[in-house]
């Protein structure tokens, strides 16, 4: 395996592990919300906001902004977390559609973390998108490991190189005994 192939393999492995780790955390947080208690809340803001991504080709993304208040054990909380999965969209229209599900003054069911009631969501669980991205991360990492161990990268794949193999002749050679 050349240095360039080794670098690419390690980079793919690290990207896969990182992607799977980030998405795995989102999935675990989403699954955690399934066991959270609920309380009634009220929407105090429903709008959208935009932000630009960095990089060579900056893009504008939109996200719904839904702020709600709720009480737990006599303490009032304000929160903006809708869910633990995707919250940004390519168009304002998509983000506004999500925000429209939560009209200002509307009553909502709030799922909150019992040990930290200030952490809450309006939608429990995880999404298929996060599971898909997690799976891609796992496939990237496994693919890098398999590539490194297969010999396709120029490595031996755990087998001796052809030049170190020994071969035995299966033919009888009577002259070999006479020497």
Foldseek 3Di string as FASTA:
>chain_A
DDPVLVVVLVVLQVQLVVQLVVLVVLQVQLVVLVPFDKFKKFWADWAKDWDWDDDPDIAIKMFIFTWIWTDDPRDIEIDGAAGSEDGIHRDRVVRNVVSVVHDGGDMAIWGADPVDRNDIHRDGGYDVVSVVSSVVSVVSNVVSVCCVLVCVSVDPNPDDDPVPDDDDDPDDDVVVVVD
